[in-house]
Protein backbone atom coordinates (compact mmCIF):
# COMPACT_ATOMS: atom_id res chain seq x y z
CA MET A 1 -7.30 122.54 168.46
CA ASN A 2 -9.61 122.38 165.63
CA VAL A 3 -8.61 120.61 162.22
CA SER A 4 -9.20 122.82 159.35
CA HIS A 5 -10.37 121.06 156.00
CA ASP A 6 -9.03 123.66 153.53
CA THR A 7 -6.49 122.42 150.91
CA GLY A 8 -4.44 125.68 151.25
CA PRO A 9 -4.26 128.97 152.57
CA THR A 10 -6.48 131.78 151.56
CA PRO A 11 -5.02 134.87 149.67
CA ALA A 12 -6.12 137.08 152.57
CA ALA A 13 -4.50 134.56 155.05
CA THR A 14 -1.27 134.67 153.01
CA ASP A 15 -1.21 138.14 152.54
CA PRO A 16 -3.62 140.43 154.25
CA ASP A 17 -2.85 143.31 152.26
CA ARG A 18 -3.67 141.79 149.10
CA ILE A 19 -7.05 142.99 147.71
CA ASP A 20 -9.22 140.51 145.99
CA PRO A 21 -8.81 140.76 142.35
CA ALA A 22 -12.69 140.44 142.06
CA VAL A 23 -12.89 143.67 143.84
CA TRP A 24 -10.50 145.37 141.66
CA ARG A 25 -12.67 144.05 138.47
CA MET A 26 -15.76 145.41 140.21
CA ALA A 27 -14.08 148.64 140.80
CA PHE A 28 -12.91 149.08 137.24
CA THR A 29 -16.35 148.31 135.96
CA ILE A 30 -17.96 150.81 138.15
CA VAL A 31 -15.49 153.54 137.21
CA VAL A 32 -16.48 152.80 133.40
CA GLY A 33 -20.02 153.32 133.82
CA THR A 34 -19.48 156.40 136.21
CA LEU A 35 -17.21 158.27 133.78
CA ALA A 36 -20.44 159.09 131.64
CA VAL A 37 -22.48 160.22 134.41
CA VAL A 38 -19.88 162.50 136.35
CA PHE A 39 -18.23 164.06 132.98
CA ASP A 40 -21.74 164.76 131.60
CA THR A 41 -22.86 166.78 134.51
CA THR A 42 -19.86 169.08 134.19
CA ILE A 43 -19.33 168.80 130.44
CA VAL A 44 -22.57 170.81 129.74
CA SER A 45 -22.29 173.47 132.21
CA VAL A 46 -19.67 175.17 129.86
CA ALA A 47 -22.03 174.73 126.68
CA LEU A 48 -25.07 176.87 127.63
CA ASP A 49 -24.03 179.94 125.72
CA ASP A 50 -23.60 177.76 122.54
CA LEU A 51 -26.86 175.62 123.23
CA ALA A 52 -28.56 179.17 123.31
CA GLY A 53 -27.52 180.21 119.88
CA GLN A 54 -27.72 176.83 118.33
CA LEU A 55 -31.32 176.25 119.64
CA ASP A 56 -32.38 179.86 119.43
CA ALA A 57 -33.60 180.05 123.16
CA PRO A 58 -32.79 182.42 125.84
CA LEU A 59 -30.21 181.66 128.40
CA SER A 60 -32.76 181.62 131.10
CA THR A 61 -34.62 178.71 129.23
CA ILE A 62 -31.31 176.94 128.24
CA GLN A 63 -30.25 176.98 131.98
CA TRP A 64 -32.92 174.28 132.74
CA VAL A 65 -30.84 171.83 130.46
CA SER A 66 -28.54 171.85 133.51
CA THR A 67 -30.89 172.66 136.22
CA GLY A 68 -33.66 169.93 135.31
CA TYR A 69 -30.85 167.17 134.85
CA LEU A 70 -29.58 168.02 138.46
CA LEU A 71 -33.18 168.05 139.87
CA ALA A 72 -34.05 164.82 138.31
CA VAL A 73 -30.95 163.32 139.66
CA PHE A 74 -31.99 164.46 143.17
CA VAL A 75 -35.53 163.36 142.87
CA THR A 76 -34.11 159.77 141.80
CA MET A 77 -31.22 159.54 144.33
CA PRO A 78 -33.24 158.39 147.59
CA LEU A 79 -34.75 155.54 145.56
CA ALA A 80 -31.52 153.88 144.99
CA GLY A 81 -32.03 151.78 148.10
CA TRP A 82 -35.26 150.40 147.65
CA ALA A 83 -34.54 149.86 144.13
CA GLN A 84 -31.47 147.59 144.96
CA SER A 85 -33.63 145.81 147.38
CA ARG A 86 -36.04 144.74 144.71
CA MET A 87 -33.88 144.19 141.86
CA GLY A 88 -30.34 143.56 143.15
CA GLY A 89 -27.43 145.54 142.49
CA LYS A 90 -26.25 144.07 139.28
CA ARG A 91 -29.69 144.52 137.43
CA LEU A 92 -30.06 147.95 138.83
CA TRP A 93 -26.78 148.98 137.51
CA ILE A 94 -27.27 148.04 134.17
CA ALA A 95 -30.75 149.15 133.87
CA ALA A 96 -29.55 152.56 135.31
CA LEU A 97 -26.79 152.92 132.60
CA GLY A 98 -29.27 151.92 129.86
CA VAL A 99 -31.50 154.80 131.14
CA PHE A 100 -28.62 157.14 131.00
CA LEU A 101 -27.70 155.88 127.54
CA LEU A 102 -31.16 156.17 126.26
CA GLY A 103 -31.30 159.80 127.74
CA SER A 104 -27.69 160.72 125.90
CA ILE A 105 -28.70 159.47 122.53
CA LEU A 106 -32.21 161.42 122.67
CA SER A 107 -30.32 164.45 123.83
CA ALA A 108 -28.02 164.41 120.99
CA SER A 109 -30.82 164.01 118.52
CA ALA A 110 -33.10 166.75 120.20
CA GLY A 111 -34.51 169.23 117.63
CA SER A 112 -35.69 171.96 120.19
CA VAL A 113 -34.83 173.29 123.67
CA THR A 114 -38.04 171.61 124.95
CA ALA A 115 -36.96 168.07 123.86
CA LEU A 116 -33.41 168.69 125.21
CA ILE A 117 -34.60 169.49 128.49
CA ALA A 118 -37.15 166.54 128.34
CA PHE A 119 -34.45 164.17 127.62
CA ARG A 120 -31.93 165.64 130.10
CA LEU A 121 -34.45 164.56 132.75
CA LEU A 122 -34.31 161.10 131.46
CA GLN A 123 -30.53 161.28 131.84
CA GLY A 124 -30.86 162.58 135.58
CA VAL A 125 -33.28 159.55 136.48
CA GLY A 126 -30.44 157.19 135.42
CA GLY A 127 -27.74 159.23 137.12
CA GLY A 128 -29.75 159.67 140.20
CA ILE A 129 -29.65 155.83 140.67
CA MET A 130 -25.96 155.26 139.91
CA MET A 131 -24.23 157.81 142.06
CA PRO A 132 -25.17 156.35 145.40
CA LEU A 133 -25.41 152.69 143.83
CA MET A 134 -21.61 152.97 143.01
CA ALA A 135 -20.25 153.23 146.62
CA THR A 136 -22.70 150.70 147.87
CA LEU A 137 -21.85 147.92 145.28
CA ILE A 138 -18.15 148.40 146.29
CA MET A 139 -18.70 148.79 150.03
CA GLN A 140 -20.68 145.48 149.94
CA ALA A 141 -18.26 143.74 147.89
CA GLY A 142 -15.26 144.60 149.87
CA LYS A 143 -16.85 143.91 153.17
CA GLY A 144 -14.80 146.95 154.94
CA ARG A 145 -11.37 145.64 153.65
CA HIS A 146 -8.85 148.12 152.08
CA ILE A 147 -11.53 150.90 151.91
CA GLY A 148 -9.09 153.57 151.41
CA ARG A 149 -7.37 151.92 148.12
CA VAL A 150 -10.40 150.71 146.53
CA MET A 151 -12.24 153.76 147.13
CA ALA A 152 -9.32 155.61 145.75
CA ALA A 153 -10.19 153.77 142.56
CA VAL A 154 -14.03 154.09 142.63
CA THR A 155 -14.41 157.87 143.29
CA LEU A 156 -11.99 158.98 140.88
CA PRO A 157 -14.50 159.98 138.29
CA THR A 158 -16.55 161.77 141.06
CA ALA A 159 -13.37 163.89 142.00
CA LEU A 160 -12.10 164.57 138.65
CA GLY A 161 -15.39 165.35 137.23
CA PRO A 162 -15.77 169.14 138.31
CA ILE A 163 -11.98 169.63 137.47
CA LEU A 164 -11.44 167.93 134.13
CA GLY A 165 -15.11 168.25 132.84
CA PRO A 166 -15.09 171.82 131.60
CA VAL A 167 -11.92 171.18 129.85
CA LEU A 168 -13.49 168.31 128.02
CA GLY A 169 -16.51 170.65 127.31
CA GLY A 170 -14.63 173.11 126.05
CA LEU A 171 -12.41 170.99 123.77
CA ILE A 172 -15.68 169.15 122.24
CA LEU A 173 -17.30 172.57 121.68
CA HIS A 174 -13.98 173.87 119.90
CA LEU A 175 -13.60 170.89 117.88
CA ALA A 176 -17.21 169.81 116.96
CA ASP A 177 -20.82 170.21 117.02
CA TRP A 178 -22.73 170.44 120.57
CA ARG A 179 -24.45 167.03 119.95
CA TRP A 180 -21.07 165.43 120.75
CA LEU A 181 -21.31 166.59 124.45
CA PHE A 182 -23.84 163.90 124.77
CA LEU A 183 -22.66 161.15 121.90
CA VAL A 184 -19.35 161.08 123.96
CA ASN A 185 -21.41 159.20 126.56
CA ILE A 186 -22.00 156.31 124.38
CA PRO A 187 -18.99 154.17 124.52
CA PHE A 188 -18.81 154.76 128.35
CA CYS A 189 -22.31 153.35 128.77
CA VAL A 190 -22.14 150.57 126.14
CA VAL A 191 -18.68 149.17 127.59
CA GLY A 192 -19.85 149.85 131.26
CA ALA A 193 -22.89 147.92 130.75
CA TRP A 194 -21.00 145.02 129.22
CA LEU A 195 -18.46 145.06 131.95
CA ALA A 196 -21.14 145.00 134.50
CA TRP A 197 -22.84 141.89 132.65
CA ARG A 198 -19.48 140.05 132.95
CA ASN A 199 -17.95 141.33 136.41
CA LEU A 200 -20.77 142.37 138.87
CA PRO A 201 -21.94 139.35 141.12
CA ASP A 202 -25.37 138.29 140.59
CA ASP A 203 -27.23 139.60 143.89
CA ARG A 204 -30.89 139.28 142.90
CA PRO A 205 -33.18 138.73 145.87
CA ALA A 206 -34.47 135.40 146.08
CA PRO A 207 -37.94 134.79 144.36
CA ASP A 208 -39.62 133.70 147.30
CA GLY A 209 -37.82 136.37 149.78
CA ALA A 210 -39.72 139.21 151.36
CA ARG A 211 -40.23 142.23 149.08
CA ALA A 212 -39.26 145.31 150.26
CA LYS A 213 -42.35 147.81 150.14
CA LEU A 214 -41.78 151.38 149.01
CA ASP A 215 -42.26 154.03 151.55
CA VAL A 216 -44.63 156.08 149.34
CA VAL A 217 -44.87 159.21 152.32
CA GLY A 218 -40.99 159.28 152.49
CA LEU A 219 -41.00 159.56 148.95
CA LEU A 220 -43.24 162.27 148.34
CA LEU A 221 -41.58 164.33 151.36
CA LEU A 222 -37.73 163.63 150.90
CA SER A 223 -37.31 163.67 146.90
CA PRO A 224 -39.47 166.94 146.15
CA GLY A 225 -38.00 168.38 149.18
CA VAL A 226 -34.13 167.95 148.41
CA ALA A 227 -35.01 168.91 144.80
CA ALA A 228 -36.79 172.12 145.93
CA ILE A 229 -33.77 172.98 148.11
CA ILE A 230 -31.63 172.34 145.26
CA TYR A 231 -33.68 174.66 142.59
CA GLY A 232 -34.14 177.45 145.48
CA LEU A 233 -30.08 177.73 145.95
CA SER A 234 -29.55 177.22 142.09
CA ARG A 235 -31.64 180.65 141.60
CA VAL A 236 -29.45 182.53 144.49
CA GLU A 237 -27.18 183.87 141.99
CA GLY A 238 -29.65 185.86 139.90
CA ALA A 239 -32.12 186.86 142.58
CA GLY A 240 -30.28 186.82 145.89
CA PHE A 241 -31.45 185.03 148.98
CA ALA A 242 -34.41 187.32 149.79
CA GLY A 243 -36.06 186.74 146.35
CA ALA A 244 -39.48 185.17 146.35
CA GLU A 245 -38.27 182.72 143.75
CA VAL A 246 -35.53 181.45 145.91
CA LEU A 247 -37.21 181.78 149.47
CA VAL A 248 -40.58 179.96 148.05
CA PRO A 249 -38.75 176.70 147.04
CA LEU A 250 -36.07 176.86 149.73
CA LEU A 251 -38.32 177.19 152.71
CA GLY A 252 -41.04 174.69 150.78
CA GLY A 253 -38.11 172.24 150.64
CA LEU A 254 -36.91 172.48 154.00
CA ALA A 255 -40.29 172.03 155.40
CA LEU A 256 -40.67 168.75 153.29
CA VAL A 257 -37.22 167.39 154.52
CA GLY A 258 -38.26 168.21 158.11
CA GLY A 259 -41.39 166.36 157.53
CA PHE A 260 -39.45 163.23 156.36
CA VAL A 261 -37.01 163.74 159.39
CA ALA A 262 -39.99 163.28 161.74
CA TRP A 263 -41.43 160.57 159.69
CA ALA A 264 -38.55 158.27 159.10
CA PRO A 265 -38.19 157.12 162.47
CA THR A 266 -41.63 155.83 162.70
CA ARG A 267 -40.91 153.47 159.81
CA GLY A 268 -37.54 152.14 161.47
CA SER A 269 -35.41 150.33 158.62
CA GLY A 270 -38.51 150.32 156.34
CA ALA A 271 -38.04 154.03 155.69
CA LEU A 272 -37.02 155.40 152.23
CA VAL A 273 -33.61 156.45 154.13
CA ASP A 274 -33.20 155.14 157.54
CA LEU A 275 -32.12 158.24 159.20
CA ARG A 276 -31.36 156.13 162.52
CA LEU A 277 -28.16 155.23 161.23
CA LEU A 278 -26.94 158.90 161.87
CA ARG A 279 -26.45 157.77 165.37
CA HIS A 280 -23.30 156.17 164.30
CA ARG A 281 -20.90 158.89 164.96
CA ALA A 282 -18.71 157.97 161.95
CA LEU A 283 -21.69 158.33 159.39
CA ALA A 284 -22.90 161.64 161.14
CA ALA A 285 -19.17 163.07 160.99
CA ALA A 286 -18.84 161.80 157.33
CA ALA A 287 -22.02 163.44 156.38
CA GLY A 288 -20.99 166.67 157.86
CA LEU A 289 -17.62 166.68 156.44
CA GLY A 290 -19.13 165.78 153.10
CA PHE A 291 -21.41 168.85 153.38
CA LEU A 292 -18.25 170.97 153.80
CA ALA A 293 -16.49 169.33 151.31
CA GLY A 294 -19.01 170.09 148.66
CA ILE A 295 -19.03 173.45 149.83
CA THR A 296 -15.24 173.39 149.61
CA LEU A 297 -15.00 171.93 145.95
CA TYR A 298 -17.96 173.17 144.36
CA GLY A 299 -18.02 176.58 145.73
CA ALA A 300 -14.02 177.24 144.74
CA MET A 301 -14.98 175.75 141.23
CA LEU A 302 -17.32 178.70 140.77
CA LEU A 303 -14.79 181.23 141.61
CA LEU A 304 -11.59 179.73 140.03
CA PRO A 305 -12.89 179.99 136.41
CA LEU A 306 -14.72 183.26 136.81
CA TYR A 307 -11.35 184.64 138.27
CA PHE A 308 -9.46 183.53 135.33
CA GLN A 309 -12.22 184.65 132.96
CA GLN A 310 -13.35 187.86 134.16
CA VAL A 311 -9.94 189.13 135.74
CA ARG A 312 -7.34 187.38 133.70
CA GLY A 313 -9.52 187.65 130.37
CA GLU A 314 -9.27 184.08 129.58
CA ASP A 315 -12.08 182.23 127.52
CA ALA A 316 -13.94 179.01 128.97
CA LEU A 317 -11.35 176.67 127.30
CA GLY A 318 -8.26 178.71 128.71
CA ALA A 319 -9.80 178.78 132.18
CA GLY A 320 -10.30 175.23 132.24
CA LEU A 321 -6.67 174.46 131.13
CA LEU A 322 -5.56 176.75 133.91
CA LEU A 323 -7.54 174.41 136.37
CA ILE A 324 -5.42 171.07 135.15
CA PRO A 325 -2.67 171.48 138.02
CA GLN A 326 -5.37 170.81 140.47
CA GLY A 327 -6.56 167.88 138.89
CA PHE A 328 -2.94 166.44 138.68
CA GLY A 329 -2.57 167.07 142.05
CA LEU A 330 -5.54 165.03 143.17
CA LEU A 331 -4.48 162.49 141.06
CA LEU A 332 -1.10 162.05 142.55
CA ALA A 333 -2.34 162.14 146.17
CA ARG A 334 -5.09 159.74 146.02
CA THR A 335 -2.86 156.67 146.16
CA LEU A 336 -0.93 157.59 148.90
CA ALA A 337 -4.27 158.77 150.69
CA GLY A 338 -5.91 155.54 150.31
CA LYS A 339 -2.82 153.81 151.74
CA TYR A 340 -2.60 155.89 154.67
CA THR A 341 -6.16 155.59 155.19
CA ASP A 342 -6.10 151.87 155.36
CA ARG A 343 -3.12 151.90 157.85
CA PHE A 344 -4.17 154.76 160.14
CA GLY A 345 -7.79 155.36 159.47
CA PRO A 346 -9.62 158.29 158.15
CA ARG A 347 -9.25 160.84 160.79
CA PRO A 348 -5.63 161.86 160.41
CA VAL A 349 -5.60 161.59 156.52
CA ALA A 350 -8.88 163.84 156.64
CA CYS A 351 -7.46 166.23 158.80
CA VAL A 352 -4.16 166.56 156.78
CA GLY A 353 -6.14 166.76 153.67
CA PHE A 354 -8.62 169.91 154.80
CA ALA A 355 -5.84 171.68 156.51
CA VAL A 356 -3.70 171.52 153.21
CA VAL A 357 -7.08 172.58 151.08
CA THR A 358 -7.20 175.57 153.76
CA ALA A 359 -3.66 176.58 153.28
CA ALA A 360 -3.52 176.16 149.62
CA THR A 361 -6.90 178.24 148.98
CA ALA A 362 -5.52 181.28 151.06
CA PRO A 363 -3.05 182.52 148.24
CA PHE A 364 -6.15 183.10 146.37
CA ALA A 365 -7.54 185.54 148.84
CA PHE A 366 -4.56 187.80 148.08
CA VAL A 367 -4.97 187.71 144.24
CA THR A 368 -4.73 190.78 141.90
CA ALA A 369 -4.83 191.46 138.14
CA ASP A 370 -1.34 190.67 138.02
CA THR A 371 -0.54 187.82 140.30
CA ALA A 372 1.99 185.48 138.77
CA LEU A 373 0.11 182.29 136.99
CA VAL A 374 2.98 179.99 138.04
CA LEU A 375 2.35 180.87 141.60
CA LEU A 376 -1.49 180.30 141.47
CA MET A 377 -1.09 176.91 139.38
CA ALA A 378 1.43 175.82 142.03
CA ALA A 379 -1.16 176.74 144.84
CA LEU A 380 -3.76 174.83 142.77
CA PHE A 381 -1.73 171.56 142.56
CA VAL A 382 -1.42 171.57 146.13
CA ARG A 383 -5.02 172.38 146.70
CA GLY A 384 -5.77 169.63 144.63
CA ALA A 385 -3.63 166.97 146.64
CA GLY A 386 -5.26 168.25 149.77
CA MET A 387 -8.73 167.49 148.19
CA GLY A 388 -7.64 164.08 147.10
CA ALA A 389 -6.50 163.02 150.51
CA ALA A 390 -9.68 164.39 152.10
CA THR A 391 -12.09 162.72 149.63
CA ILE A 392 -10.50 159.52 149.94
CA ALA A 393 -10.72 159.53 153.71
CA LEU A 394 -14.27 160.53 153.55
CA ALA A 395 -15.24 157.92 151.22
CA GLY A 396 -15.23 154.94 153.35
CA ALA A 397 -15.11 156.48 156.90
CA GLY A 398 -19.25 156.75 157.08
CA TYR A 399 -19.57 152.76 156.59
CA VAL A 400 -17.46 151.87 159.46
CA GLY A 401 -19.30 149.33 161.75
CA LEU A 402 -22.42 149.35 159.50
CA GLU A 403 -24.11 146.12 158.43
CA HIS A 404 -24.40 145.02 154.88
CA ARG A 405 -27.96 145.99 154.53
CA GLU A 406 -27.35 149.29 156.10
CA ILE A 407 -24.89 150.50 153.54
CA PRO A 408 -27.24 151.57 150.75
CA HIS A 409 -28.84 154.04 153.14
CA ALA A 410 -25.42 155.41 154.14
CA SER A 411 -24.66 155.70 150.71
CA ILE A 412 -27.58 158.22 150.00
CA ILE A 413 -27.15 160.12 153.26
CA THR A 414 -23.38 160.87 152.28
CA ARG A 415 -24.15 161.63 148.82
CA VAL A 416 -27.04 163.98 149.50
CA ALA A 417 -24.96 165.70 151.97
CA GLN A 418 -22.25 166.35 149.70
CA GLN A 419 -24.51 167.56 146.79
CA ILE A 420 -26.55 169.86 148.98
CA GLY A 421 -23.34 171.09 150.29
CA GLY A 422 -22.06 171.81 146.67
CA SER A 423 -25.38 173.93 146.00
CA VAL A 424 -25.05 175.97 149.15
CA GLY A 425 -21.24 176.55 148.49
CA THR A 426 -22.09 177.77 145.02
CA ALA A 427 -24.73 179.94 146.04
CA ALA A 428 -23.37 181.40 148.97
CA LEU A 429 -19.90 182.13 147.15
CA ALA A 430 -21.98 183.55 144.33
CA VAL A 431 -23.79 186.10 146.66
CA VAL A 432 -20.37 187.08 148.23
CA LEU A 433 -18.97 187.77 144.88
CA GLN A 434 -21.86 189.89 143.95
CA HIS A 435 -21.69 192.05 146.99
CA THR A 436 -18.03 192.40 147.17
CA GLY A 437 -17.57 193.14 143.43
CA ALA A 438 -20.37 195.33 142.88
CA GLY A 439 -19.78 198.34 140.85
CA ALA A 440 -16.25 197.06 140.04
CA HIS A 441 -15.31 198.02 136.63
CA THR A 442 -11.36 197.52 136.47
CA PRO A 443 -9.56 194.12 136.81
CA ASP A 444 -8.09 195.15 139.98
CA ALA A 445 -11.24 196.19 141.47
CA LEU A 446 -12.63 192.68 140.32
CA ALA A 447 -9.75 191.00 141.72
CA ASP A 448 -10.46 192.57 145.23
CA GLY A 449 -13.67 191.10 144.96
CA PHE A 450 -12.47 187.69 144.15
CA GLY A 451 -10.21 187.93 147.18
CA ASP A 452 -13.02 188.80 149.57
CA ALA A 453 -14.83 185.65 148.15
CA PHE A 454 -12.15 183.33 148.56
CA TRP A 455 -11.53 184.42 152.09
CA TRP A 456 -15.00 183.01 152.78
CA SER A 457 -14.03 179.62 150.95
CA VAL A 458 -10.93 179.61 153.41
CA ALA A 459 -12.99 180.06 156.46
CA ILE A 460 -15.62 177.38 155.63
CA THR A 461 -12.88 175.00 154.75
CA ALA A 462 -11.12 175.43 157.99
CA LEU A 463 -14.46 174.56 159.80
CA ALA A 464 -13.93 170.93 158.74
CA VAL A 465 -10.45 170.39 160.27
CA PRO A 466 -11.79 170.11 163.92
CA LEU A 467 -14.75 168.22 162.70
CA CYS A 468 -12.48 165.53 161.34
CA LEU A 469 -11.51 164.66 164.89
CA LEU A 470 -15.10 162.75 165.19
CA LEU A 471 -13.83 160.28 162.36
CA PRO A 472 -12.59 156.66 163.37
CA THR A 473 -8.83 156.36 163.79
CA ARG A 474 -8.10 153.00 162.61
CA PRO A 475 -10.43 150.76 160.26
CA GLU A 476 -12.45 148.51 162.33
CA PRO A 477 -12.84 144.92 161.28
CA THR A 478 -16.45 144.08 160.00
CA PRO A 479 -18.23 141.09 161.51
CA THR A 480 -17.30 138.99 158.59
CA ASP A 481 -13.62 140.17 159.04
CA LYS A 482 -13.71 139.06 162.81
CA THR A 483 -14.99 135.39 161.75
CA GLU A 484 -12.29 134.89 159.01
CA ALA A 485 -9.70 135.78 161.45
CA GLN A 486 -11.05 133.63 164.11
CA ALA A 487 -11.27 130.56 161.74
CA THR A 488 -7.59 131.12 160.42
CA VAL A 489 -6.57 131.27 164.24
CA ARG A 490 -7.85 128.12 164.89
CA ALA A 491 -6.90 126.39 161.82
């Protein structure tokens, strides 16, 4: 029997369910910084009409305040893995927060719509790095342990952004000037950068280590390809899928992404994003489910506020307040979802979560102009709980069995899949709503159109339930976990 030279048992050996306090500190640090990025994305979406009036610009131009930001995010996102290998996670996180802070200050001081759009692009550069990096940092720090509970905390801003962002935006516009839509980011950025300096590990690469080379060809294919797809989908609501302004960028983007799919395997691990990782069933399933989750979350978040505004006569703030029960359901479900994901694995939790979302969305397929708001708010609460469970189960499922160096690539794959899913869901359901509600002039006729669109949302969400069976059933220990467990037994 080997003799251990440790002075005492480690916290993990004493209590395997105990999460390292350093991991919790990192999780809190990441959450603070991420709040600015996630809420900013949805806050601005409710302010476009106000911005058009304040800056004396047509709505078609003002929409670029939101569209330009999203395109900058997608152009930058694939660079996160390479940039981390060059700078280290800590320095990259602080730098990205600094870029986002500078973009926020400049946006608040913009004197014209052109300047505002340009400064929003700068914001998007910082946000595009931070969104995949947040998952990468926490997964690398946690080494595969307690994924459910930790990700329940870290992904909270991402889940709440589409739900509470419009409420916060409505309150700001009701109480203050539009410039506060951007000034509200400053404390999150400053405190988040300070916490990152204190709490994130100094993981910069060794000065004499091999420097990762940028996959320039991959960058020229993937980043503009994804951005073109997102732009094309963003134009669907006005032009339909058959319009040239939709088809040209959409088909061009698909061709570029297809070129990257052919190029990446020739580069191996040196590709901008290592697509060979999709051979891992857990990651492939998580990416597919993330795509469907994006449709479910963002597609319905287009329909729900519009129903309350167009059929029930609510303003933007009133519609946002009516969505609060969904946020409460999501909040309450996350802790339990994280606990059960760690205990039973992501498969059963995701299956139950998507099944609940499907069932709770179904009542909206029967809405009328007079459906009791209490019933709809109860359905929203249950729907939020289901989304909370599903998103937590997916948050760590794609990383099962991956090595430390592979995690940044997996983060980009899952994040891009979810965001494209959100764009597809928004575009597709907007077209369905336009088709089914065409010619409707009364609240009852409008409600019928929304009911048909919600049926599509129900059907798409139901597709996710059988796909969940491809997820892992139980968390598998990482190589580090196995080594530590063997050392504990020998001791």
